[in-house]
Full PDB file with SEQRES, HELIX, SHEET, SSBOND, CRYST1, ORIGX, SCALE, CONECT and MASTER records, all heavy atoms in Angstrom:
SEQRES   1 A   36  TYR GLY TYR GLN LEU LEU LYS TYR ILE LEU ASP GLY PRO          
SEQRES   2 A   36  LYS GLN LEU PHE ALA LEU GLY GLN GLY TYR THR ARG SER          
SEQRES   3 A   36  ASN LYS PHE LYS ASP ALA ILE GLU SER PHE                      
HELIX    1 AA1 GLY A    2  LEU A   10  1                                   9    
HELIX    2 AA2 LEU A   16  LEU A   19  1                                   4    
HELIX    3 AA3 PHE A   29  SER A   35  1                                   7    
CRYST1    1.000    1.000    1.000  90.00  90.00  90.00 P 1           1          
ORIGX1      1.000000  0.000000  0.000000        0.00000                         
ORIGX2      0.000000  1.000000  0.000000        0.00000                         
ORIGX3      0.000000  0.000000  1.000000        0.00000                         
SCALE1      1.000000  0.000000  0.000000        0.00000                         
SCALE2      0.000000  1.000000  0.000000        0.00000                         
SCALE3      0.000000  0.000000  1.000000        0.00000                         
ATOM      1  N   TYR A   1       0.841  -1.217   0.010  1.00  0.00           N  
ATOM      2  CA  TYR A   1      -0.018  -0.015   0.000  1.00  0.00           C  
ATOM      3  C   TYR A   1       0.857   1.268  -0.008  1.00  0.00           C  
ATOM      4  O   TYR A   1       0.661   2.178  -0.801  1.00  0.00           O  
ATOM      5  CB  TYR A   1      -0.886  -0.034   1.246  1.00  0.00           C  
ATOM      6  CG  TYR A   1      -1.884   1.080   1.351  1.00  0.00           C  
ATOM      7  CD1 TYR A   1      -3.197   0.900   0.832  1.00  0.00           C  
ATOM      8  CD2 TYR A   1      -1.601   2.294   1.965  1.00  0.00           C  
ATOM      9  CE1 TYR A   1      -4.152   1.932   0.959  1.00  0.00           C  
ATOM     10  CE2 TYR A   1      -2.548   3.284   2.096  1.00  0.00           C  
ATOM     11  CZ  TYR A   1      -3.789   3.117   1.600  1.00  0.00           C  
ATOM     12  OH  TYR A   1      -4.771   4.132   1.705  1.00  0.00           O  
ATOM     13  N   GLY A   2       1.845   1.305   0.893  1.00  0.00           N  
ATOM     14  CA  GLY A   2       2.670   2.475   1.071  1.00  0.00           C  
ATOM     15  C   GLY A   2       3.502   2.807  -0.183  1.00  0.00           C  
ATOM     16  O   GLY A   2       3.650   4.006  -0.534  1.00  0.00           O  
ATOM     17  N   TYR A   3       4.033   1.797  -0.848  1.00  0.00           N  
ATOM     18  CA  TYR A   3       4.834   2.035  -2.028  1.00  0.00           C  
ATOM     19  C   TYR A   3       3.989   2.673  -3.117  1.00  0.00           C  
ATOM     20  O   TYR A   3       4.392   3.615  -3.826  1.00  0.00           O  
ATOM     21  CB  TYR A   3       5.446   0.751  -2.515  1.00  0.00           C  
ATOM     22  CG  TYR A   3       6.406   0.926  -3.714  1.00  0.00           C  
ATOM     23  CD1 TYR A   3       7.676   1.426  -3.543  1.00  0.00           C  
ATOM     24  CD2 TYR A   3       5.963   0.596  -4.993  1.00  0.00           C  
ATOM     25  CE1 TYR A   3       8.514   1.638  -4.636  1.00  0.00           C  
ATOM     26  CE2 TYR A   3       6.783   0.783  -6.112  1.00  0.00           C  
ATOM     27  CZ  TYR A   3       8.060   1.291  -5.920  1.00  0.00           C  
ATOM     28  OH  TYR A   3       8.884   1.513  -6.987  1.00  0.00           O  
ATOM     29  N   GLN A   4       2.766   2.140  -3.324  1.00  0.00           N  
ATOM     30  CA  GLN A   4       1.869   2.690  -4.334  1.00  0.00           C  
ATOM     31  C   GLN A   4       1.378   4.090  -3.977  1.00  0.00           C  
ATOM     32  O   GLN A   4       1.200   4.919  -4.857  1.00  0.00           O  
ATOM     33  CB  GLN A   4       0.673   1.743  -4.492  1.00  0.00           C  
ATOM     34  CG  GLN A   4       1.035   0.385  -5.118  1.00  0.00           C  
ATOM     35  CD  GLN A   4      -0.198  -0.465  -5.336  1.00  0.00           C  
ATOM     36  OE1 GLN A   4      -1.085  -0.109  -6.079  1.00  0.00           O  
ATOM     37  NE2 GLN A   4      -0.200  -1.647  -4.711  1.00  0.00           N  
ATOM     38  N   LEU A   5       1.278   4.367  -2.669  1.00  0.00           N  
ATOM     39  CA  LEU A   5       0.896   5.694  -2.226  1.00  0.00           C  
ATOM     40  C   LEU A   5       1.970   6.723  -2.623  1.00  0.00           C  
ATOM     41  O   LEU A   5       1.674   7.790  -3.131  1.00  0.00           O  
ATOM     42  CB  LEU A   5       0.631   5.713  -0.736  1.00  0.00           C  
ATOM     43  CG  LEU A   5       0.368   7.094  -0.112  1.00  0.00           C  
ATOM     44  CD1 LEU A   5      -0.900   7.716  -0.742  1.00  0.00           C  
ATOM     45  CD2 LEU A   5       0.177   6.967   1.408  1.00  0.00           C  
ATOM     46  N   LEU A   6       3.217   6.375  -2.349  1.00  0.00           N  
ATOM     47  CA  LEU A   6       4.305   7.273  -2.693  1.00  0.00           C  
ATOM     48  C   LEU A   6       4.362   7.496  -4.189  1.00  0.00           C  
ATOM     49  O   LEU A   6       4.606   8.596  -4.699  1.00  0.00           O  
ATOM     50  CB  LEU A   6       5.629   6.747  -2.202  1.00  0.00           C  
ATOM     51  CG  LEU A   6       5.905   6.706  -0.684  1.00  0.00           C  
ATOM     52  CD1 LEU A   6       7.343   6.308  -0.405  1.00  0.00           C  
ATOM     53  CD2 LEU A   6       5.593   8.071  -0.047  1.00  0.00           C  
ATOM     54  N   LYS A   7       4.160   6.414  -4.967  1.00  0.00           N  
ATOM     55  CA  LYS A   7       4.189   6.505  -6.414  1.00  0.00           C  
ATOM     56  C   LYS A   7       3.081   7.465  -6.893  1.00  0.00           C  
ATOM     57  O   LYS A   7       3.310   8.258  -7.816  1.00  0.00           O  
ATOM     58  CB  LYS A   7       3.966   5.124  -6.998  1.00  0.00           C  
ATOM     59  CG  LYS A   7       4.165   5.065  -8.490  1.00  0.00           C  
ATOM     60  CD  LYS A   7       4.074   3.609  -8.973  1.00  0.00           C  
ATOM     61  CE  LYS A   7       4.347   3.551 -10.495  1.00  0.00           C  
ATOM     62  NZ  LYS A   7       4.219   2.111 -10.949  1.00  0.00           N  
ATOM     63  N   TYR A   8       1.918   7.390  -6.239  1.00  0.00           N  
ATOM     64  CA  TYR A   8       0.800   8.257  -6.635  1.00  0.00           C  
ATOM     65  C   TYR A   8       1.136   9.710  -6.251  1.00  0.00           C  
ATOM     66  O   TYR A   8       0.856  10.639  -7.075  1.00  0.00           O  
ATOM     67  CB  TYR A   8      -0.453   7.834  -5.860  1.00  0.00           C  
ATOM     68  CG  TYR A   8      -1.604   8.823  -5.979  1.00  0.00           C  
ATOM     69  CD1 TYR A   8      -2.361   8.868  -7.157  1.00  0.00           C  
ATOM     70  CD2 TYR A   8      -1.963   9.658  -4.937  1.00  0.00           C  
ATOM     71  CE1 TYR A   8      -3.403   9.808  -7.295  1.00  0.00           C  
ATOM     72  CE2 TYR A   8      -2.998  10.552  -5.037  1.00  0.00           C  
ATOM     73  CZ  TYR A   8      -3.711  10.619  -6.239  1.00  0.00           C  
ATOM     74  OH  TYR A   8      -4.737  11.523  -6.355  1.00  0.00           O  
ATOM     75  N   ILE A   9       1.709   9.972  -5.111  1.00  0.00           N  
ATOM     76  CA  ILE A   9       2.074  11.313  -4.702  1.00  0.00           C  
ATOM     77  C   ILE A   9       3.006  11.928  -5.707  1.00  0.00           C  
ATOM     78  O   ILE A   9       2.893  13.131  -6.046  1.00  0.00           O  
ATOM     79  CB  ILE A   9       2.742  11.285  -3.304  1.00  0.00           C  
ATOM     80  CG1 ILE A   9       1.685  10.880  -2.226  1.00  0.00           C  
ATOM     81  CG2 ILE A   9       3.355  12.657  -2.951  1.00  0.00           C  
ATOM     82  CD1 ILE A   9       2.291  10.642  -0.873  1.00  0.00           C  
ATOM     83  N   LEU A  10       3.970  11.155  -6.225  1.00  0.00           N  
ATOM     84  CA  LEU A  10       4.981  11.686  -7.103  1.00  0.00           C  
ATOM     85  C   LEU A  10       4.550  11.779  -8.557  1.00  0.00           C  
ATOM     86  O   LEU A  10       5.159  12.436  -9.383  1.00  0.00           O  
ATOM     87  CB  LEU A  10       6.247  10.811  -7.032  1.00  0.00           C  
ATOM     88  CG  LEU A  10       6.955  10.826  -5.651  1.00  0.00           C  
ATOM     89  CD1 LEU A  10       8.020   9.754  -5.592  1.00  0.00           C  
ATOM     90  CD2 LEU A  10       7.564  12.209  -5.376  1.00  0.00           C  
ATOM     91  N   ASP A  11       3.456  11.106  -8.875  1.00  0.00           N  
ATOM     92  CA  ASP A  11       2.918  11.123 -10.243  1.00  0.00           C  
ATOM     93  C   ASP A  11       2.140  12.407 -10.495  1.00  0.00           C  
ATOM     94  O   ASP A  11       0.931  12.458 -10.276  1.00  0.00           O  
ATOM     95  CB  ASP A  11       2.042   9.892 -10.472  1.00  0.00           C  
ATOM     96  CG  ASP A  11       1.520   9.832 -11.903  1.00  0.00           C  
ATOM     97  OD1 ASP A  11       2.136  10.504 -12.773  1.00  0.00           O  
ATOM     98  OD2 ASP A  11       0.566   9.087 -12.158  1.00  0.00           O  
ATOM     99  N   GLY A  12       2.863  13.400 -10.834  1.00  0.00           N  
ATOM    100  CA  GLY A  12       2.163  14.691 -11.047  1.00  0.00           C  
ATOM    101  C   GLY A  12       3.033  15.920 -10.836  1.00  0.00           C  
ATOM    102  O   GLY A  12       3.283  16.616 -11.789  1.00  0.00           O  
ATOM    103  N   PRO A  13       3.550  16.180  -9.646  1.00  0.00           N  
ATOM    104  CA  PRO A  13       3.197  15.548  -8.362  1.00  0.00           C  
ATOM    105  C   PRO A  13       1.905  16.081  -7.782  1.00  0.00           C  
ATOM    106  O   PRO A  13       1.325  17.035  -8.320  1.00  0.00           O  
ATOM    107  CB  PRO A  13       4.416  15.921  -7.496  1.00  0.00           C  
ATOM    108  CG  PRO A  13       4.822  17.266  -8.044  1.00  0.00           C  
ATOM    109  CD  PRO A  13       4.554  17.223  -9.521  1.00  0.00           C  
ATOM    110  N   LYS A  14       1.485  15.550  -6.645  1.00  0.00           N  
ATOM    111  CA  LYS A  14       0.271  15.999  -5.983  1.00  0.00           C  
ATOM    112  C   LYS A  14       0.587  17.068  -4.931  1.00  0.00           C  
ATOM    113  O   LYS A  14       1.694  17.163  -4.421  1.00  0.00           O  
ATOM    114  CB  LYS A  14      -0.423  14.807  -5.299  1.00  0.00           C  
ATOM    115  CG  LYS A  14      -0.665  13.621  -6.213  1.00  0.00           C  
ATOM    116  CD  LYS A  14      -1.555  13.996  -7.379  1.00  0.00           C  
ATOM    117  CE  LYS A  14      -1.854  12.832  -8.283  1.00  0.00           C  
ATOM    118  NZ  LYS A  14      -0.643  12.226  -8.908  1.00  0.00           N  
ATOM    119  N   GLN A  15      -0.393  17.842  -4.603  1.00  0.00           N  
ATOM    120  CA  GLN A  15      -0.288  18.848  -3.543  1.00  0.00           C  
ATOM    121  C   GLN A  15      -0.395  18.171  -2.198  1.00  0.00           C  
ATOM    122  O   GLN A  15      -1.437  17.588  -1.834  1.00  0.00           O  
ATOM    123  CB  GLN A  15      -1.404  19.914  -3.701  1.00  0.00           C  
ATOM    124  CG  GLN A  15      -1.175  20.825  -4.923  1.00  0.00           C  
ATOM    125  CD  GLN A  15       0.096  21.632  -4.803  1.00  0.00           C  
ATOM    126  OE1 GLN A  15       0.443  22.155  -3.738  1.00  0.00           O  
ATOM    127  NE2 GLN A  15       0.822  21.751  -5.903  1.00  0.00           N  
ATOM    128  N   LEU A  16       0.657  18.196  -1.430  1.00  0.00           N  
ATOM    129  CA  LEU A  16       0.704  17.510  -0.144  1.00  0.00           C  
ATOM    130  C   LEU A  16      -0.320  18.087   0.830  1.00  0.00           C  
ATOM    131  O   LEU A  16      -0.892  17.298   1.631  1.00  0.00           O  
ATOM    132  CB  LEU A  16       2.120  17.609   0.449  1.00  0.00           C  
ATOM    133  CG  LEU A  16       3.223  16.899  -0.333  1.00  0.00           C  
ATOM    134  CD1 LEU A  16       4.586  17.158   0.311  1.00  0.00           C  
ATOM    135  CD2 LEU A  16       2.940  15.396  -0.404  1.00  0.00           C  
ATOM    136  N   PHE A  17      -0.550  19.360   0.768  1.00  0.00           N  
ATOM    137  CA  PHE A  17      -1.544  19.963   1.687  1.00  0.00           C  
ATOM    138  C   PHE A  17      -2.942  19.384   1.457  1.00  0.00           C  
ATOM    139  O   PHE A  17      -3.650  19.069   2.404  1.00  0.00           O  
ATOM    140  CB  PHE A  17      -1.589  21.479   1.494  1.00  0.00           C  
ATOM    141  CG  PHE A  17      -2.734  22.133   2.172  1.00  0.00           C  
ATOM    142  CD1 PHE A  17      -2.789  22.223   3.550  1.00  0.00           C  
ATOM    143  CD2 PHE A  17      -3.816  22.628   1.441  1.00  0.00           C  
ATOM    144  CE1 PHE A  17      -3.874  22.832   4.184  1.00  0.00           C  
ATOM    145  CE2 PHE A  17      -4.878  23.230   2.067  1.00  0.00           C  
ATOM    146  CZ  PHE A  17      -4.916  23.343   3.432  1.00  0.00           C  
ATOM    147  N   ALA A  18      -3.283  19.220   0.189  1.00  0.00           N  
ATOM    148  CA  ALA A  18      -4.619  18.670  -0.148  1.00  0.00           C  
ATOM    149  C   ALA A  18      -4.744  17.221   0.295  1.00  0.00           C  
ATOM    150  O   ALA A  18      -5.735  16.791   0.834  1.00  0.00           O  
ATOM    151  CB  ALA A  18      -4.846  18.774  -1.645  1.00  0.00           C  
ATOM    152  N   LEU A  19      -3.634  16.439   0.137  1.00  0.00           N  
ATOM    153  CA  LEU A  19      -3.676  15.077   0.571  1.00  0.00           C  
ATOM    154  C   LEU A  19      -3.776  14.961   2.090  1.00  0.00           C  
ATOM    155  O   LEU A  19      -4.307  13.973   2.638  1.00  0.00           O  
ATOM    156  CB  LEU A  19      -2.382  14.339   0.119  1.00  0.00           C  
ATOM    157  CG  LEU A  19      -2.154  14.257  -1.390  1.00  0.00           C  
ATOM    158  CD1 LEU A  19      -0.822  13.509  -1.666  1.00  0.00           C  
ATOM    159  CD2 LEU A  19      -3.312  13.568  -2.095  1.00  0.00           C  
ATOM    160  N   GLY A  20      -3.272  15.948   2.791  1.00  0.00           N  
ATOM    161  CA  GLY A  20      -3.246  15.914   4.241  1.00  0.00           C  
ATOM    162  C   GLY A  20      -4.499  16.383   4.945  1.00  0.00           C  
ATOM    163  O   GLY A  20      -4.555  16.397   6.182  1.00  0.00           O  
ATOM    164  N   GLN A  21      -5.500  16.750   4.190  1.00  0.00           N  
ATOM    165  CA  GLN A  21      -6.772  17.174   4.804  1.00  0.00           C  
ATOM    166  C   GLN A  21      -7.384  16.038   5.581  1.00  0.00           C  
ATOM    167  O   GLN A  21      -7.495  14.908   5.105  1.00  0.00           O  
ATOM    168  CB  GLN A  21      -7.733  17.707   3.718  1.00  0.00           C  
ATOM    169  CG  GLN A  21      -7.281  18.967   3.038  1.00  0.00           C  
ATOM    170  CD  GLN A  21      -7.035  20.053   4.011  1.00  0.00           C  
ATOM    171  OE1 GLN A  21      -7.847  20.405   4.877  1.00  0.00           O  
ATOM    172  NE2 GLN A  21      -5.824  20.686   3.934  1.00  0.00           N  
ATOM    173  N   GLY A  22      -7.797  16.318   6.803  1.00  0.00           N  
ATOM    174  CA  GLY A  22      -8.371  15.298   7.674  1.00  0.00           C  
ATOM    175  C   GLY A  22      -7.441  14.760   8.686  1.00  0.00           C  
ATOM    176  O   GLY A  22      -7.842  14.055   9.633  1.00  0.00           O  
ATOM    177  N   TYR A  23      -6.151  15.062   8.520  1.00  0.00           N  
ATOM    178  CA  TYR A  23      -5.128  14.538   9.454  1.00  0.00           C  
ATOM    179  C   TYR A  23      -4.835  15.532  10.604  1.00  0.00           C  
ATOM    180  O   TYR A  23      -4.106  15.166  11.507  1.00  0.00           O  
ATOM    181  CB  TYR A  23      -3.839  14.214   8.677  1.00  0.00           C  
ATOM    182  CG  TYR A  23      -3.973  12.925   7.898  1.00  0.00           C  
ATOM    183  CD1 TYR A  23      -4.425  12.976   6.589  1.00  0.00           C  
ATOM    184  CD2 TYR A  23      -3.678  11.732   8.477  1.00  0.00           C  
ATOM    185  CE1 TYR A  23      -4.566  11.795   5.861  1.00  0.00           C  
ATOM    186  CE2 TYR A  23      -3.820  10.543   7.742  1.00  0.00           C  
ATOM    187  CZ  TYR A  23      -4.274  10.580   6.439  1.00  0.00           C  
ATOM    188  OH  TYR A  23      -4.401   9.403   5.737  1.00  0.00           O  
ATOM    189  N   THR A  24      -5.387  16.726  10.545  1.00  0.00           N  
ATOM    190  CA  THR A  24      -5.221  17.700  11.620  1.00  0.00           C  
ATOM    191  C   THR A  24      -6.350  18.721  11.588  1.00  0.00           C  
ATOM    192  O   THR A  24      -6.906  18.953  10.502  1.00  0.00           O  
ATOM    193  CB  THR A  24      -3.858  18.427  11.479  1.00  0.00           C  
ATOM    194  OG1 THR A  24      -3.723  19.382  12.533  1.00  0.00           O  
ATOM    195  CG2 THR A  24      -3.745  19.123  10.140  1.00  0.00           C  
ATOM    196  N   ARG A  25      -6.617  19.313  12.717  1.00  0.00           N  
ATOM    197  CA  ARG A  25      -7.645  20.334  12.735  1.00  0.00           C  
ATOM    198  C   ARG A  25      -7.079  21.701  12.366  1.00  0.00           C  
ATOM    199  O   ARG A  25      -7.828  22.662  12.146  1.00  0.00           O  
ATOM    200  CB  ARG A  25      -8.261  20.457  14.146  1.00  0.00           C  
ATOM    201  CG  ARG A  25      -9.034  19.173  14.543  1.00  0.00           C  
ATOM    202  CD  ARG A  25      -9.670  19.345  15.924  1.00  0.00           C  
ATOM    203  NE  ARG A  25     -10.411  18.151  16.286  1.00  0.00           N  
ATOM    204  CZ  ARG A  25     -11.041  18.014  17.452  1.00  0.00           C  
ATOM    205  NH1 ARG A  25     -11.019  19.005  18.327  1.00  0.00           N  
ATOM    206  NH2 ARG A  25     -11.738  16.899  17.720  1.00  0.00           N  
ATOM    207  N   SER A  26      -5.798  21.811  12.294  1.00  0.00           N  
ATOM    208  CA  SER A  26      -5.156  23.058  11.920  1.00  0.00           C  
ATOM    209  C   SER A  26      -5.405  23.322  10.436  1.00  0.00           C  
ATOM    210  O   SER A  26      -5.426  22.419   9.604  1.00  0.00           O  
ATOM    211  CB  SER A  26      -3.652  22.982  12.204  1.00  0.00           C  
ATOM    212  OG  SER A  26      -3.004  24.069  11.658  1.00  0.00           O  
ATOM    213  N   ASN A  27      -5.504  24.602  10.085  1.00  0.00           N  
ATOM    214  CA  ASN A  27      -5.691  24.981   8.679  1.00  0.00           C  
ATOM    215  C   ASN A  27      -4.380  25.408   8.038  1.00  0.00           C  
ATOM    216  O   ASN A  27      -4.332  25.986   6.940  1.00  0.00           O  
ATOM    217  CB  ASN A  27      -6.697  26.098   8.545  1.00  0.00           C  
ATOM    218  CG  ASN A  27      -6.355  27.322   9.340  1.00  0.00           C  
ATOM    219  OD1 ASN A  27      -5.300  27.415   9.924  1.00  0.00           O  
ATOM    220  ND2 ASN A  27      -7.240  28.312   9.332  1.00  0.00           N  
ATOM    221  N   LYS A  28      -3.261  25.163   8.721  1.00  0.00           N  
ATOM    222  CA  LYS A  28      -1.965  25.523   8.208  1.00  0.00           C  
ATOM    223  C   LYS A  28      -1.432  24.413   7.284  1.00  0.00           C  
ATOM    224  O   LYS A  28      -1.515  23.230   7.590  1.00  0.00           O  
ATOM    225  CB  LYS A  28      -0.950  25.760   9.323  1.00  0.00           C  
ATOM    226  CG  LYS A  28      -1.288  26.956  10.200  1.00  0.00           C  
ATOM    227  CD  LYS A  28      -0.246  27.115  11.323  1.00  0.00           C  
ATOM    228  CE  LYS A  28      -0.567  28.298  12.205  1.00  0.00           C  
ATOM    229  NZ  LYS A  28       0.471  28.472  13.276  1.00  0.00           N  
ATOM    230  N   PHE A  29      -0.855  24.821   6.167  1.00  0.00           N  
ATOM    231  CA  PHE A  29      -0.309  23.856   5.261  1.00  0.00           C  
ATOM    232  C   PHE A  29       0.758  22.992   5.913  1.00  0.00           C  
ATOM    233  O   PHE A  29       0.791  21.760   5.780  1.00  0.00           O  
ATOM    234  CB  PHE A  29       0.347  24.555   4.051  1.00  0.00           C  
ATOM    235  CG  PHE A  29      -0.640  25.091   3.059  1.00  0.00           C  
ATOM    236  CD1 PHE A  29      -1.985  25.260   3.392  1.00  0.00           C  
ATOM    237  CD2 PHE A  29      -0.210  25.402   1.754  1.00  0.00           C  
ATOM    238  CE1 PHE A  29      -2.887  25.752   2.437  1.00  0.00           C  
ATOM    239  CE2 PHE A  29      -1.117  25.914   0.835  1.00  0.00           C  
ATOM    240  CZ  PHE A  29      -2.479  26.076   1.170  1.00  0.00           C  
ATOM    241  N   LYS A  30       1.599  23.637   6.721  1.00  0.00           N  
ATOM    242  CA  LYS A  30       2.715  22.968   7.386  1.00  0.00           C  
ATOM    243  C   LYS A  30       2.188  21.819   8.263  1.00  0.00           C  
ATOM    244  O   LYS A  30       2.685  20.702   8.225  1.00  0.00           O  
ATOM    245  CB  LYS A  30       3.486  23.977   8.238  1.00  0.00           C  
ATOM    246  CG  LYS A  30       4.556  23.382   9.110  1.00  0.00           C  
ATOM    247  CD  LYS A  30       5.271  24.482   9.875  1.00  0.00           C  
ATOM    248  CE  LYS A  30       6.340  23.928  10.762  1.00  0.00           C  
ATOM    249  NZ  LYS A  30       5.811  23.089  11.816  1.00  0.00           N  
ATOM    250  N   ASP A  31       1.185  22.108   9.076  1.00  0.00           N  
ATOM    251  CA  ASP A  31       0.632  21.105   9.978  1.00  0.00           C  
ATOM    252  C   ASP A  31      -0.034  19.924   9.241  1.00  0.00           C  
ATOM    253  O   ASP A  31       0.074  18.800   9.643  1.00  0.00           O  
ATOM    254  CB  ASP A  31      -0.388  21.760  10.927  1.00  0.00           C  
ATOM    255  CG  ASP A  31       0.239  22.769  11.882  1.00  0.00           C  
ATOM    256  OD1 ASP A  31       1.481  22.689  12.018  1.00  0.00           O  
ATOM    257  OD2 ASP A  31      -0.487  23.623  12.386  1.00  0.00           O  
ATOM    258  N   ALA A  32      -0.718  20.257   8.176  1.00  0.00           N  
ATOM    259  CA  ALA A  32      -1.415  19.216   7.379  1.00  0.00           C  
ATOM    260  C   ALA A  32      -0.393  18.252   6.752  1.00  0.00           C  
ATOM    261  O   ALA A  32      -0.583  17.028   6.803  1.00  0.00           O  
ATOM    262  CB  ALA A  32      -2.295  19.834   6.275  1.00  0.00           C  
ATOM    263  N   ILE A  33       0.682  18.798   6.223  1.00  0.00           N  
ATOM    264  CA  ILE A  33       1.705  17.971   5.605  1.00  0.00           C  
ATOM    265  C   ILE A  33       2.415  17.124   6.626  1.00  0.00           C  
ATOM    266  O   ILE A  33       2.661  15.929   6.405  1.00  0.00           O  
ATOM    267  CB  ILE A  33       2.713  18.862   4.812  1.00  0.00           C  
ATOM    268  CG1 ILE A  33       1.998  19.544   3.653  1.00  0.00           C  
ATOM    269  CG2 ILE A  33       3.900  18.030   4.340  1.00  0.00           C  
ATOM    270  CD1 ILE A  33       2.852  20.554   2.910  1.00  0.00           C  
ATOM    271  N   GLU A  34       2.776  17.707   7.740  1.00  0.00           N  
ATOM    272  CA  GLU A  34       3.454  16.990   8.830  1.00  0.00           C  
ATOM    273  C   GLU A  34       2.630  15.811   9.307  1.00  0.00           C  
ATOM    274  O   GLU A  34       3.128  14.716   9.490  1.00  0.00           O  
ATOM    275  CB  GLU A  34       3.805  17.905   9.984  1.00  0.00           C  
ATOM    276  CG  GLU A  34       4.997  18.805   9.756  1.00  0.00           C  
ATOM    277  CD  GLU A  34       5.299  19.634  10.986  1.00  0.00           C  
ATOM    278  OE1 GLU A  34       4.390  19.821  11.858  1.00  0.00           O  
ATOM    279  OE2 GLU A  34       6.477  20.047  11.133  1.00  0.00           O  
ATOM    280  N   SER A  35       1.323  16.051   9.550  1.00  0.00           N  
ATOM    281  CA  SER A  35       0.441  15.043  10.062  1.00  0.00           C  
ATOM    282  C   SER A  35       0.244  13.928   9.034  1.00  0.00           C  
ATOM    283  O   SER A  35       0.202  12.735   9.364  1.00  0.00           O  
ATOM    284  CB  SER A  35      -0.954  15.645  10.393  1.00  0.00           C  
ATOM    285  OG  SER A  35      -0.783  16.601  11.443  1.00  0.00           O  
ATOM    286  N   PHE A  36       0.129  14.302   7.738  1.00  0.00           N  
ATOM    287  CA  PHE A  36      -0.058  13.316   6.691  1.00  0.00           C  
ATOM    288  C   PHE A  36       1.191  12.405   6.611  1.00  0.00           C  
ATOM    289  O   PHE A  36       1.048  11.159   6.488  1.00  0.00           O  
ATOM    290  CB  PHE A  36      -0.302  14.003   5.365  1.00  0.00           C  
ATOM    291  CG  PHE A  36      -0.399  13.070   4.202  1.00  0.00           C  
ATOM    292  CD1 PHE A  36      -1.525  12.260   3.998  1.00  0.00           C  
ATOM    293  CD2 PHE A  36       0.663  12.941   3.302  1.00  0.00           C  
ATOM    294  CE1 PHE A  36      -1.571  11.361   2.951  1.00  0.00           C  
ATOM    295  CE2 PHE A  36       0.586  12.067   2.216  1.00  0.00           C  
ATOM    296  CZ  PHE A  36      -0.547  11.290   2.030  1.00  0.00           C  
TER     297      PHE A  36                                                      
MASTER        0    0    0    3    0    0    0    6  296    1    0    3          
END                                                                             
């Protein structure tokens, strides 16, 4: 699962902040990425 997830993140690449939504209540990009 994890290997395919990294491959998906890099295929584009994707916006890490968007992927990190739901992992923290903070609305800061930094916090969302760290939590993800």
